[in-house]
Amino acid sequence: MNNKEYKLIVIVVKKGMAERVIKVAQKVGARGSTIINGRGSSVRETIKILGVPIEPEKEIILMVVEKEKTDNILNKIVNETELNNIGVGISFVLDVEQTVGILENNE
């Protein structure tokens, strides 16, 4: 097991933005991430085509990062992807209790 402290940054963005978010995060120290496809359920975002509701597609990015890098990575993502603008996406950070399988740079 790894004794380092980590945080999980979760970012939900419009489909097609995940790669941009990841590139920005990697510039400031994020090493890996996972992208999951999803769809939104916000009342504001539901559109109708021929009377049939269509839910907008989303990408969910999961990024486990070292605790001390979390604020810098999230701030860079927000600033370079305009994440804080309405309709672009949301993000939140969770504590990570334990990690297994994360390799350090020298391993």
N, C-alpha and C. Protein backbone atom coordinates (compact mmCIF):
# COMPACT_ATOMS: atom_id res chain seq x y z
N MET A 1 0.83 -1.20 0.00
CA MET A 1 0.00 0.00 0.00
C MET A 1 0.86 1.25 0.00
N ASN A 2 0.31 2.30 -0.50
CA ASN A 2 1.00 3.58 -0.61
C ASN A 2 0.64 4.44 0.59
N ASN A 3 1.62 5.05 1.24
CA ASN A 3 1.36 5.87 2.42
C ASN A 3 1.19 7.35 2.10
N LYS A 4 1.35 7.73 0.87
CA LYS A 4 1.18 9.12 0.47
C LYS A 4 -0.29 9.51 0.55
N GLU A 5 -0.56 10.81 0.74
CA GLU A 5 -1.95 11.28 0.79
C GLU A 5 -2.39 11.74 -0.59
N TYR A 6 -3.60 11.34 -0.96
CA TYR A 6 -4.15 11.67 -2.28
C TYR A 6 -5.55 12.25 -2.15
N LYS A 7 -5.97 12.92 -3.21
CA LYS A 7 -7.33 13.43 -3.35
C LYS A 7 -7.87 12.92 -4.68
N LEU A 8 -9.19 12.83 -4.78
CA LEU A 8 -9.83 12.47 -6.05
C LEU A 8 -10.52 13.72 -6.58
N ILE A 9 -10.07 14.18 -7.75
CA ILE A 9 -10.74 15.29 -8.42
C ILE A 9 -11.72 14.68 -9.41
N VAL A 10 -12.99 15.06 -9.29
CA VAL A 10 -14.02 14.60 -10.20
C VAL A 10 -14.46 15.81 -11.02
N ILE A 11 -14.42 15.68 -12.34
CA ILE A 11 -14.80 16.78 -13.23
C ILE A 11 -15.83 16.24 -14.21
N VAL A 12 -16.96 16.92 -14.32
CA VAL A 12 -18.01 16.54 -15.27
C VAL A 12 -18.13 17.67 -16.29
N VAL A 13 -17.90 17.34 -17.56
CA VAL A 13 -17.92 18.35 -18.62
C VAL A 13 -18.73 17.86 -19.81
N LYS A 14 -19.02 18.79 -20.72
CA LYS A 14 -19.70 18.44 -21.96
C LYS A 14 -18.83 17.47 -22.76
N LYS A 15 -19.50 16.58 -23.49
CA LYS A 15 -18.77 15.60 -24.31
C LYS A 15 -17.81 16.32 -25.25
N GLY A 16 -16.60 15.82 -25.32
CA GLY A 16 -15.58 16.39 -26.18
C GLY A 16 -14.56 17.25 -25.45
N MET A 17 -14.82 17.58 -24.18
CA MET A 17 -13.91 18.45 -23.42
C MET A 17 -12.90 17.69 -22.57
N ALA A 18 -13.09 16.41 -22.36
CA ALA A 18 -12.26 15.66 -21.42
C ALA A 18 -10.78 15.70 -21.78
N GLU A 19 -10.46 15.50 -23.03
CA GLU A 19 -9.05 15.49 -23.44
C GLU A 19 -8.38 16.83 -23.13
N ARG A 20 -9.09 17.91 -23.36
CA ARG A 20 -8.55 19.25 -23.05
C ARG A 20 -8.29 19.39 -21.55
N VAL A 21 -9.25 18.95 -20.74
CA VAL A 21 -9.10 19.03 -19.29
C VAL A 21 -7.88 18.23 -18.84
N ILE A 22 -7.72 17.04 -19.37
CA ILE A 22 -6.59 16.18 -18.98
C ILE A 22 -5.26 16.79 -19.39
N LYS A 23 -5.17 17.36 -20.59
CA LYS A 23 -3.92 17.99 -21.03
C LYS A 23 -3.54 19.15 -20.11
N VAL A 24 -4.52 19.96 -19.71
CA VAL A 24 -4.26 21.07 -18.80
C VAL A 24 -3.75 20.53 -17.46
N ALA A 25 -4.39 19.51 -16.94
CA ALA A 25 -4.00 18.94 -15.64
C ALA A 25 -2.60 18.33 -15.69
N GLN A 26 -2.27 17.70 -16.79
CA GLN A 26 -0.94 17.08 -16.91
C GLN A 26 0.17 18.11 -16.92
N LYS A 27 -0.11 19.31 -17.44
CA LYS A 27 0.89 20.38 -17.45
C LYS A 27 1.35 20.75 -16.05
N VAL A 28 0.47 20.56 -15.06
CA VAL A 28 0.80 20.97 -13.69
C VAL A 28 0.90 19.79 -12.72
N GLY A 29 1.16 18.59 -13.24
CA GLY A 29 1.51 17.50 -12.35
C GLY A 29 0.56 16.33 -12.24
N ALA A 30 -0.60 16.37 -12.86
CA ALA A 30 -1.47 15.19 -12.83
C ALA A 30 -0.86 14.13 -13.73
N ARG A 31 -0.89 12.89 -13.29
CA ARG A 31 -0.22 11.85 -14.07
C ARG A 31 -1.17 10.94 -14.81
N GLY A 32 -2.34 10.72 -14.31
CA GLY A 32 -3.25 9.80 -14.97
C GLY A 32 -4.69 10.16 -14.67
N SER A 33 -5.59 9.61 -15.45
CA SER A 33 -7.00 9.88 -15.23
C SER A 33 -7.83 8.82 -15.93
N THR A 34 -9.11 8.82 -15.61
CA THR A 34 -10.06 7.91 -16.23
C THR A 34 -11.22 8.74 -16.73
N ILE A 35 -11.67 8.46 -17.95
CA ILE A 35 -12.83 9.15 -18.52
C ILE A 35 -13.98 8.16 -18.59
N ILE A 36 -15.13 8.58 -18.07
CA ILE A 36 -16.35 7.77 -18.11
C ILE A 36 -17.40 8.57 -18.87
N ASN A 37 -18.08 7.92 -19.78
CA ASN A 37 -19.17 8.58 -20.50
C ASN A 37 -20.43 8.57 -19.65
N GLY A 38 -21.20 9.66 -19.72
CA GLY A 38 -22.43 9.76 -18.96
C GLY A 38 -23.40 10.67 -19.67
N ARG A 39 -24.52 10.94 -19.03
CA ARG A 39 -25.47 11.90 -19.59
C ARG A 39 -26.07 12.71 -18.46
N GLY A 40 -26.36 13.96 -18.76
CA GLY A 40 -26.88 14.88 -17.77
C GLY A 40 -28.37 14.71 -17.55
N SER A 41 -28.83 15.19 -16.40
CA SER A 41 -30.26 15.14 -16.12
C SER A 41 -30.77 16.49 -15.62
N SER A 42 -30.00 17.54 -15.82
CA SER A 42 -30.39 18.87 -15.39
C SER A 42 -31.63 19.33 -16.15
N VAL A 43 -32.56 19.93 -15.45
CA VAL A 43 -33.77 20.45 -16.08
C VAL A 43 -33.40 21.48 -17.13
N ARG A 44 -32.40 22.28 -16.87
CA ARG A 44 -31.98 23.32 -17.80
C ARG A 44 -31.43 22.75 -19.10
N GLU A 45 -30.84 21.55 -19.04
CA GLU A 45 -30.13 21.03 -20.19
C GLU A 45 -30.95 20.09 -21.07
N THR A 46 -32.11 19.66 -20.61
CA THR A 46 -32.90 18.74 -21.39
C THR A 46 -33.48 19.45 -22.61
N ILE A 47 -33.21 18.91 -23.78
CA ILE A 47 -33.77 19.48 -25.01
C ILE A 47 -34.70 18.44 -25.63
N LYS A 48 -35.57 18.89 -26.50
CA LYS A 48 -36.49 17.97 -27.15
C LYS A 48 -36.33 18.04 -28.66
N ILE A 49 -36.33 16.86 -29.27
CA ILE A 49 -36.33 16.76 -30.72
C ILE A 49 -37.59 15.98 -31.08
N LEU A 50 -38.46 16.63 -31.81
CA LEU A 50 -39.76 16.04 -32.17
C LEU A 50 -40.52 15.57 -30.93
N GLY A 51 -40.42 16.34 -29.86
CA GLY A 51 -41.15 16.03 -28.63
C GLY A 51 -40.50 14.99 -27.75
N VAL A 52 -39.38 14.40 -28.18
CA VAL A 52 -38.69 13.38 -27.40
C VAL A 52 -37.54 14.03 -26.65
N PRO A 53 -37.52 13.91 -25.31
CA PRO A 53 -36.42 14.52 -24.55
C PRO A 53 -35.09 13.84 -24.84
N ILE A 54 -34.07 14.65 -25.08
CA ILE A 54 -32.71 14.17 -25.34
C ILE A 54 -31.82 14.70 -24.23
N GLU A 55 -31.17 13.80 -23.53
CA GLU A 55 -30.27 14.20 -22.45
C GLU A 55 -28.88 14.45 -23.02
N PRO A 56 -28.27 15.58 -22.71
CA PRO A 56 -26.93 15.87 -23.21
C PRO A 56 -25.89 14.88 -22.68
N GLU A 57 -24.97 14.52 -23.56
CA GLU A 57 -23.91 13.60 -23.17
C GLU A 57 -22.83 14.34 -22.40
N LYS A 58 -22.24 13.65 -21.43
CA LYS A 58 -21.21 14.21 -20.56
C LYS A 58 -20.01 13.29 -20.54
N GLU A 59 -18.89 13.84 -20.12
CA GLU A 59 -17.69 13.05 -19.82
C GLU A 59 -17.34 13.32 -18.36
N ILE A 60 -17.08 12.25 -17.64
CA ILE A 60 -16.72 12.34 -16.23
C ILE A 60 -15.26 11.93 -16.13
N ILE A 61 -14.45 12.84 -15.59
CA ILE A 61 -13.02 12.59 -15.46
C ILE A 61 -12.71 12.33 -13.99
N LEU A 62 -12.07 11.23 -13.71
CA LEU A 62 -11.62 10.88 -12.36
C LEU A 62 -10.10 10.98 -12.34
N MET A 63 -9.60 11.77 -11.41
CA MET A 63 -8.17 12.02 -11.33
C MET A 63 -7.70 11.88 -9.88
N VAL A 64 -6.90 10.87 -9.60
CA VAL A 64 -6.30 10.72 -8.27
C VAL A 64 -4.98 11.46 -8.29
N VAL A 65 -4.85 12.47 -7.43
CA VAL A 65 -3.66 13.31 -7.43
C VAL A 65 -3.09 13.44 -6.02
N GLU A 66 -1.83 13.74 -5.95
CA GLU A 66 -1.19 13.97 -4.65
C GLU A 66 -1.85 15.16 -3.98
N LYS A 67 -2.09 15.03 -2.70
CA LYS A 67 -2.83 16.05 -1.94
C LYS A 67 -2.26 17.45 -2.15
N GLU A 68 -0.94 17.58 -2.12
CA GLU A 68 -0.33 18.90 -2.22
C GLU A 68 -0.45 19.52 -3.61
N LYS A 69 -0.78 18.73 -4.63
CA LYS A 69 -0.93 19.25 -5.99
C LYS A 69 -2.39 19.56 -6.34
N THR A 70 -3.32 19.17 -5.50
CA THR A 70 -4.75 19.26 -5.81
C THR A 70 -5.20 20.67 -6.16
N ASP A 71 -4.93 21.63 -5.30
CA ASP A 71 -5.40 23.00 -5.53
C ASP A 71 -4.85 23.58 -6.82
N ASN A 72 -3.57 23.37 -7.07
CA ASN A 72 -2.94 23.90 -8.28
C ASN A 72 -3.55 23.28 -9.54
N ILE A 73 -3.76 21.96 -9.52
CA ILE A 73 -4.34 21.27 -10.68
C ILE A 73 -5.77 21.76 -10.93
N LEU A 74 -6.58 21.81 -9.88
CA LEU A 74 -7.97 22.24 -10.05
C LEU A 74 -8.05 23.70 -10.51
N ASN A 75 -7.24 24.57 -9.93
CA ASN A 75 -7.24 25.97 -10.35
C ASN A 75 -6.86 26.12 -11.82
N LYS A 76 -5.86 25.37 -12.26
CA LYS A 76 -5.43 25.43 -13.66
C LYS A 76 -6.55 24.95 -14.59
N ILE A 77 -7.23 23.88 -14.21
CA ILE A 77 -8.35 23.37 -15.01
C ILE A 77 -9.45 24.43 -15.10
N VAL A 78 -9.82 25.01 -13.98
CA VAL A 78 -10.88 26.03 -13.95
C VAL A 78 -10.51 27.22 -14.83
N ASN A 79 -9.28 27.69 -14.70
CA ASN A 79 -8.86 28.88 -15.45
C ASN A 79 -8.73 28.63 -16.95
N GLU A 80 -8.25 27.47 -17.35
CA GLU A 80 -8.00 27.23 -18.77
C GLU A 80 -9.16 26.59 -19.52
N THR A 81 -10.16 26.08 -18.81
CA THR A 81 -11.31 25.48 -19.49
C THR A 81 -12.60 26.22 -19.20
N GLU A 82 -12.51 27.32 -18.46
CA GLU A 82 -13.68 28.13 -18.08
C GLU A 82 -14.75 27.28 -17.40
N LEU A 83 -14.30 26.36 -16.57
CA LEU A 83 -15.19 25.43 -15.89
C LEU A 83 -16.21 26.15 -14.99
N ASN A 84 -15.86 27.33 -14.51
CA ASN A 84 -16.78 28.03 -13.61
C ASN A 84 -17.88 28.80 -14.34
N ASN A 85 -17.89 28.76 -15.68
CA ASN A 85 -18.97 29.38 -16.44
C ASN A 85 -20.18 28.44 -16.47
N ILE A 86 -21.37 29.00 -16.46
CA ILE A 86 -22.60 28.21 -16.44
C ILE A 86 -22.67 27.31 -17.67
N GLY A 87 -22.97 26.05 -17.43
CA GLY A 87 -23.16 25.09 -18.51
C GLY A 87 -21.91 24.40 -19.01
N VAL A 88 -20.75 24.82 -18.52
CA VAL A 88 -19.50 24.19 -18.99
C VAL A 88 -19.26 22.87 -18.26
N GLY A 89 -19.45 22.87 -16.96
CA GLY A 89 -19.24 21.65 -16.18
C GLY A 89 -19.16 21.94 -14.71
N ILE A 90 -18.89 20.91 -13.96
CA ILE A 90 -18.72 21.04 -12.51
C ILE A 90 -17.52 20.19 -12.08
N SER A 91 -17.03 20.47 -10.90
CA SER A 91 -15.96 19.68 -10.33
C SER A 91 -16.08 19.67 -8.82
N PHE A 92 -15.58 18.60 -8.23
CA PHE A 92 -15.50 18.54 -6.77
C PHE A 92 -14.34 17.62 -6.40
N VAL A 93 -13.89 17.74 -5.16
CA VAL A 93 -12.72 17.00 -4.69
C VAL A 93 -13.13 16.16 -3.49
N LEU A 94 -12.69 14.92 -3.47
CA LEU A 94 -12.98 14.00 -2.37
C LEU A 94 -11.68 13.49 -1.76
N ASP A 95 -11.72 13.22 -0.46
CA ASP A 95 -10.59 12.60 0.21
C ASP A 95 -10.47 11.14 -0.24
N VAL A 96 -9.24 10.68 -0.36
CA VAL A 96 -8.97 9.28 -0.70
C VAL A 96 -8.40 8.62 0.54
N GLU A 97 -9.04 7.56 1.00
CA GLU A 97 -8.62 6.88 2.22
C GLU A 97 -7.39 6.00 2.00
N GLN A 98 -7.39 5.20 0.95
CA GLN A 98 -6.28 4.29 0.67
C GLN A 98 -6.07 4.19 -0.83
N THR A 99 -4.85 3.90 -1.21
CA THR A 99 -4.56 3.67 -2.63
C THR A 99 -3.71 2.41 -2.77
N VAL A 100 -3.90 1.74 -3.87
CA VAL A 100 -3.11 0.57 -4.23
C VAL A 100 -2.84 0.68 -5.72
N GLY A 101 -1.63 0.42 -6.14
CA GLY A 101 -1.33 0.37 -7.56
C GLY A 101 -0.82 1.67 -8.16
N ILE A 102 -0.67 2.70 -7.35
CA ILE A 102 -0.14 3.96 -7.87
C ILE A 102 1.38 3.89 -7.78
N LEU A 103 2.03 4.00 -8.92
CA LEU A 103 3.48 3.95 -8.96
C LEU A 103 4.07 5.34 -8.87
N GLU A 104 5.14 5.46 -8.14
CA GLU A 104 5.84 6.75 -8.04
C GLU A 104 6.70 6.92 -9.28
N ASN A 105 7.17 8.14 -9.53
CA ASN A 105 7.96 8.45 -10.73
C ASN A 105 9.19 7.56 -10.88
N ASN A 106 9.80 7.17 -9.77
CA ASN A 106 11.04 6.41 -9.84
C ASN A 106 10.82 4.90 -9.87
N GLU A 107 9.58 4.46 -9.94
CA GLU A 107 9.31 3.00 -9.95
C GLU A 107 9.12 2.51 -11.36
